[in-house]
Amino acid sequence: DTSSELLVAATVASAADHVCKVLTKKGRMLEKKAVKGPPSERQRGLKDSLECLWLARAQQPPDTSEVQRKVLDEAIEGVADRLRRMQQDDVAKEELANGDRMFQDGQHAAAVKFYDKAEKADPKGERSDAYLMYSNRGGGLFEL
């Protein structure tokens, strides 16, 4: 019954390949949907996308080509990077707001510490309001 075992193995491999493709497609669709809506929804969409792509990677049959594996790995890295940047952006916004509150309350040393934390969350200053982080910290240092 070797032929029936081979047929079962081929069917299982075909099913795994199909599942992998479906999960990859779903993950990419979720990633595209994650560009709209409030930040919390976008983050959830990216997390769902990442989960689908990880499942797709786990379902890849052993005979998957290196090119296909590389494409999926690059997709996973891209979504993970977008999610990481989004989370860092949220931290930077929060620390900047905390620094602003401390500055307004006259607690300039504490404000400078929050601005430092905001810079650590966005070390390259890629946010559109990154200049505020630097100028407000400078103002806090001036007031010390």
C-alpha atoms as a PDB file:
ATOM      1  CA  ASP A   1       0.000   0.000   0.000  1.00  0.00           C
ATOM      2  CA  THR A   2       2.906   2.353  -0.668  1.00  0.00           C
ATOM      3  CA  SER A   3       0.980   4.099  -3.433  1.00  0.00           C
ATOM      4  CA  SER A   4      -1.887   5.022  -1.104  1.00  0.00           C
ATOM      5  CA  GLU A   5       0.608   6.333   1.478  1.00  0.00           C
ATOM      6  CA  LEU A   6       2.251   8.456  -1.205  1.00  0.00           C
ATOM      7  CA  LEU A   7      -1.151   9.737  -2.302  1.00  0.00           C
ATOM      8  CA  VAL A   8      -2.021  10.673   1.299  1.00  0.00           C
ATOM      9  CA  ALA A   9       1.353  12.376   1.750  1.00  0.00           C
ATOM     10  CA  ALA A  10       0.901  14.324  -1.496  1.00  0.00           C
ATOM     11  CA  THR A  11      -2.624  15.342  -0.468  1.00  0.00           C
ATOM     12  CA  VAL A  12      -1.414  16.514   2.936  1.00  0.00           C
ATOM     13  CA  ALA A  13       1.451  18.477   1.339  1.00  0.00           C
ATOM     14  CA  SER A  14      -0.961  20.045  -1.146  1.00  0.00           C
ATOM     15  CA  ALA A  15      -3.362  20.990   1.641  1.00  0.00           C
ATOM     16  CA  ALA A  16      -0.526  22.489   3.722  1.00  0.00           C
ATOM     17  CA  ASP A  17       0.627  24.477   0.702  1.00  0.00           C
ATOM     18  CA  HIS A  18      -2.920  25.750   0.132  1.00  0.00           C
ATOM     19  CA  VAL A  19      -3.303  26.713   3.801  1.00  0.00           C
ATOM     20  CA  CYS A  20       0.037  28.515   3.645  1.00  0.00           C
ATOM     21  CA  LYS A  21      -1.061  30.492   0.588  1.00  0.00           C
ATOM     22  CA  VAL A  22      -4.449  31.375   2.091  1.00  0.00           C
ATOM     23  CA  LEU A  23      -2.883  32.525   5.369  1.00  0.00           C
ATOM     24  CA  THR A  24      -0.282  34.561   3.510  1.00  0.00           C
ATOM     25  CA  LYS A  25      -2.962  36.230   1.408  1.00  0.00           C
ATOM     26  CA  LYS A  26      -5.091  36.926   4.491  1.00  0.00           C
ATOM     27  CA  GLY A  27      -2.080  38.340   6.337  1.00  0.00           C
ATOM     28  CA  ARG A  28      -1.259  40.671   3.431  1.00  0.00           C
ATOM     29  CA  MET A  29      -4.910  41.805   3.215  1.00  0.00           C
ATOM     30  CA  LEU A  30      -4.967  42.538   6.949  1.00  0.00           C
ATOM     31  CA  GLU A  31      -1.753  44.509   6.559  1.00  0.00           C
ATOM     32  CA  LYS A  32      -3.317  46.648   3.808  1.00  0.00           C
ATOM     33  CA  LYS A  33      -6.438  47.260   5.903  1.00  0.00           C
ATOM     34  CA  ALA A  34      -4.258  48.389   8.808  1.00  0.00           C
ATOM     35  CA  VAL A  35      -3.434  51.723   7.162  1.00  0.00           C
ATOM     36  CA  LYS A  36      -6.833  53.234   7.965  1.00  0.00           C
ATOM     37  CA  GLY A  37      -8.556  53.974  11.215  1.00  0.00           C
ATOM     38  CA  PRO A  38      -7.338  55.023  14.638  1.00  0.00           C
ATOM     39  CA  PRO A  39      -3.898  53.877  15.787  1.00  0.00           C
ATOM     40  CA  SER A  40      -5.284  51.176  18.091  1.00  0.00           C
ATOM     41  CA  GLU A  41      -7.181  49.578  15.193  1.00  0.00           C
ATOM     42  CA  ARG A  42      -4.148  49.837  12.923  1.00  0.00           C
ATOM     43  CA  GLN A  43      -1.967  48.157  15.544  1.00  0.00           C
ATOM     44  CA  ARG A  44      -4.526  45.398  16.024  1.00  0.00           C
ATOM     45  CA  GLY A  45      -4.675  44.915  12.243  1.00  0.00           C
ATOM     46  CA  LEU A  46      -0.885  44.651  12.039  1.00  0.00           C
ATOM     47  CA  LYS A  47      -0.821  42.182  14.938  1.00  0.00           C
ATOM     48  CA  ASP A  48      -3.481  40.060  13.202  1.00  0.00           C
ATOM     49  CA  SER A  49      -1.529  40.267   9.954  1.00  0.00           C
ATOM     50  CA  LEU A  50       1.655  39.193  11.692  1.00  0.00           C
ATOM     51  CA  GLU A  51      -0.119  36.272  13.346  1.00  0.00           C
ATOM     52  CA  CYS A  52      -1.471  35.063   9.966  1.00  0.00           C
ATOM     53  CA  LEU A  53       1.946  35.365   8.367  1.00  0.00           C
ATOM     54  CA  TRP A  54       3.573  33.429  11.230  1.00  0.00           C
ATOM     55  CA  LEU A  55       0.928  30.709  10.841  1.00  0.00           C
ATOM     56  CA  ALA A  56       1.604  30.662   7.108  1.00  0.00           C
ATOM     57  CA  ARG A  57       5.308  30.183   7.793  1.00  0.00           C
ATOM     58  CA  ALA A  58       4.528  27.321  10.176  1.00  0.00           C
ATOM     59  CA  GLN A  59       2.311  25.668   7.535  1.00  0.00           C
ATOM     60  CA  GLN A  60       4.906  25.801   4.768  1.00  0.00           C
ATOM     61  CA  PRO A  61       5.525  22.339   3.365  1.00  0.00           C
ATOM     62  CA  PRO A  62       9.112  21.078   3.464  1.00  0.00           C
ATOM     63  CA  ASP A  63       9.465  21.370  -0.312  1.00  0.00           C
ATOM     64  CA  THR A  64       8.732  25.115  -0.342  1.00  0.00           C
ATOM     65  CA  SER A  65      11.306  26.905  -2.467  1.00  0.00           C
ATOM     66  CA  GLU A  66      13.856  29.220  -0.871  1.00  0.00           C
ATOM     67  CA  VAL A  67      12.421  32.109  -2.897  1.00  0.00           C
ATOM     68  CA  GLN A  68       8.951  31.527  -1.452  1.00  0.00           C
ATOM     69  CA  ARG A  69      10.372  31.243   2.050  1.00  0.00           C
ATOM     70  CA  LYS A  70      12.332  34.462   1.576  1.00  0.00           C
ATOM     71  CA  VAL A  71       9.259  36.336   0.287  1.00  0.00           C
ATOM     72  CA  LEU A  72       7.237  35.267   3.313  1.00  0.00           C
ATOM     73  CA  ASP A  73      10.078  36.079   5.727  1.00  0.00           C
ATOM     74  CA  GLU A  74      10.421  39.554   4.188  1.00  0.00           C
ATOM     75  CA  ALA A  75       6.677  40.091   4.536  1.00  0.00           C
ATOM     76  CA  ILE A  76       6.867  39.101   8.205  1.00  0.00           C
ATOM     77  CA  GLU A  77       9.835  41.408   8.793  1.00  0.00           C
ATOM     78  CA  GLY A  78       8.048  44.302   7.064  1.00  0.00           C
ATOM     79  CA  VAL A  79       4.869  43.963   9.121  1.00  0.00           C
ATOM     80  CA  ALA A  80       6.844  43.469  12.349  1.00  0.00           C
ATOM     81  CA  ASP A  81       8.879  46.596  11.569  1.00  0.00           C
ATOM     82  CA  ARG A  82       5.738  48.672  10.895  1.00  0.00           C
ATOM     83  CA  LEU A  83       4.186  47.443  14.133  1.00  0.00           C
ATOM     84  CA  ARG A  84       7.360  48.185  16.120  1.00  0.00           C
ATOM     85  CA  ARG A  85       7.577  51.718  14.680  1.00  0.00           C
ATOM     86  CA  MET A  86       3.913  52.317  15.440  1.00  0.00           C
ATOM     87  CA  GLN A  87       4.366  51.192  19.048  1.00  0.00           C
ATOM     88  CA  GLN A  88       7.484  53.351  19.437  1.00  0.00           C
ATOM     89  CA  ASP A  89       5.568  56.285  18.002  1.00  0.00           C
ATOM     90  CA  ASP A  90       2.873  55.811  20.652  1.00  0.00           C
ATOM     91  CA  VAL A  91       5.490  55.740  23.411  1.00  0.00           C
ATOM     92  CA  ALA A  92       7.139  58.896  22.033  1.00  0.00           C
ATOM     93  CA  LYS A  93       3.776  60.707  21.879  1.00  0.00           C
ATOM     94  CA  GLU A  94       2.946  59.707  25.437  1.00  0.00           C
ATOM     95  CA  GLU A  95       6.336  60.736  26.833  1.00  0.00           C
ATOM     96  CA  LEU A  96       6.213  64.031  24.929  1.00  0.00           C
ATOM     97  CA  ALA A  97       2.757  64.763  26.399  1.00  0.00           C
ATOM     98  CA  ASN A  98       4.002  63.843  29.896  1.00  0.00           C
ATOM     99  CA  GLY A  99       6.969  66.175  29.440  1.00  0.00           C
ATOM    100  CA  ASP A 100       4.674  68.982  28.319  1.00  0.00           C
ATOM    101  CA  ARG A 101       2.485  68.530  31.421  1.00  0.00           C
ATOM    102  CA  MET A 102       5.524  68.589  33.707  1.00  0.00           C
ATOM    103  CA  PHE A 103       6.881  71.682  31.943  1.00  0.00           C
ATOM    104  CA  GLN A 104       3.549  73.493  32.345  1.00  0.00           C
ATOM    105  CA  ASP A 105       3.521  72.559  36.037  1.00  0.00           C
ATOM    106  CA  GLY A 106       6.988  74.074  36.431  1.00  0.00           C
ATOM    107  CA  GLN A 107       8.650  70.696  37.015  1.00  0.00           C
ATOM    108  CA  HIS A 108      11.368  71.266  34.460  1.00  0.00           C
ATOM    109  CA  ALA A 109      13.762  68.507  35.570  1.00  0.00           C
ATOM    110  CA  ALA A 110      10.973  65.936  35.319  1.00  0.00           C
ATOM    111  CA  ALA A 111       9.942  67.371  31.943  1.00  0.00           C
ATOM    112  CA  VAL A 112      13.480  66.942  30.602  1.00  0.00           C
ATOM    113  CA  LYS A 113      13.455  63.285  31.717  1.00  0.00           C
ATOM    114  CA  PHE A 114      10.212  62.678  29.824  1.00  0.00           C
ATOM    115  CA  TYR A 115      11.606  64.384  26.717  1.00  0.00           C
ATOM    116  CA  ASP A 116      14.662  62.124  27.003  1.00  0.00           C
ATOM    117  CA  LYS A 117      12.349  59.083  27.119  1.00  0.00           C
ATOM    118  CA  ALA A 118      10.508  60.383  24.046  1.00  0.00           C
ATOM    119  CA  GLU A 119      13.831  60.661  22.228  1.00  0.00           C
ATOM    120  CA  LYS A 120      14.748  57.088  23.193  1.00  0.00           C
ATOM    121  CA  ALA A 121      11.451  55.920  21.668  1.00  0.00           C
ATOM    122  CA  ASP A 122      12.218  57.868  18.465  1.00  0.00           C
ATOM    123  CA  PRO A 123      16.027  58.071  18.343  1.00  0.00           C
ATOM    124  CA  LYS A 124      16.161  59.095  14.680  1.00  0.00           C
ATOM    125  CA  GLY A 125      13.604  61.876  15.092  1.00  0.00           C
ATOM    126  CA  GLU A 126      11.375  60.423  12.366  1.00  0.00           C
ATOM    127  CA  ARG A 127       8.088  61.662  13.783  1.00  0.00           C
ATOM    128  CA  SER A 128       6.593  64.758  12.186  1.00  0.00           C
ATOM    129  CA  ASP A 129       6.630  66.560  15.544  1.00  0.00           C
ATOM    130  CA  ALA A 130      10.099  65.376  16.599  1.00  0.00           C
ATOM    131  CA  TYR A 131      11.276  68.989  16.645  1.00  0.00           C
ATOM    132  CA  LEU A 132       8.996  69.584  19.649  1.00  0.00           C
ATOM    133  CA  MET A 133      10.802  66.903  21.606  1.00  0.00           C
ATOM    134  CA  TYR A 134      14.124  68.683  21.068  1.00  0.00           C
ATOM    135  CA  SER A 135      12.912  72.262  21.437  1.00  0.00           C
ATOM    136  CA  ASN A 136      10.837  71.523  24.529  1.00  0.00           C
ATOM    137  CA  ARG A 137      13.736  69.686  26.141  1.00  0.00           C
ATOM    138  CA  GLY A 138      15.923  72.676  25.371  1.00  0.00           C
ATOM    139  CA  GLY A 139      13.364  74.928  27.022  1.00  0.00           C
ATOM    140  CA  GLY A 140      13.285  72.689  30.070  1.00  0.00           C
ATOM    141  CA  LEU A 141      17.073  72.706  30.328  1.00  0.00           C
ATOM    142  CA  PHE A 142      17.081  76.494  29.958  1.00  0.00           C
ATOM    143  CA  GLU A 143      14.653  76.807  32.876  1.00  0.00           C
ATOM    144  CA  LEU A 144      16.813  74.661  35.164  1.00  0.00           C
END
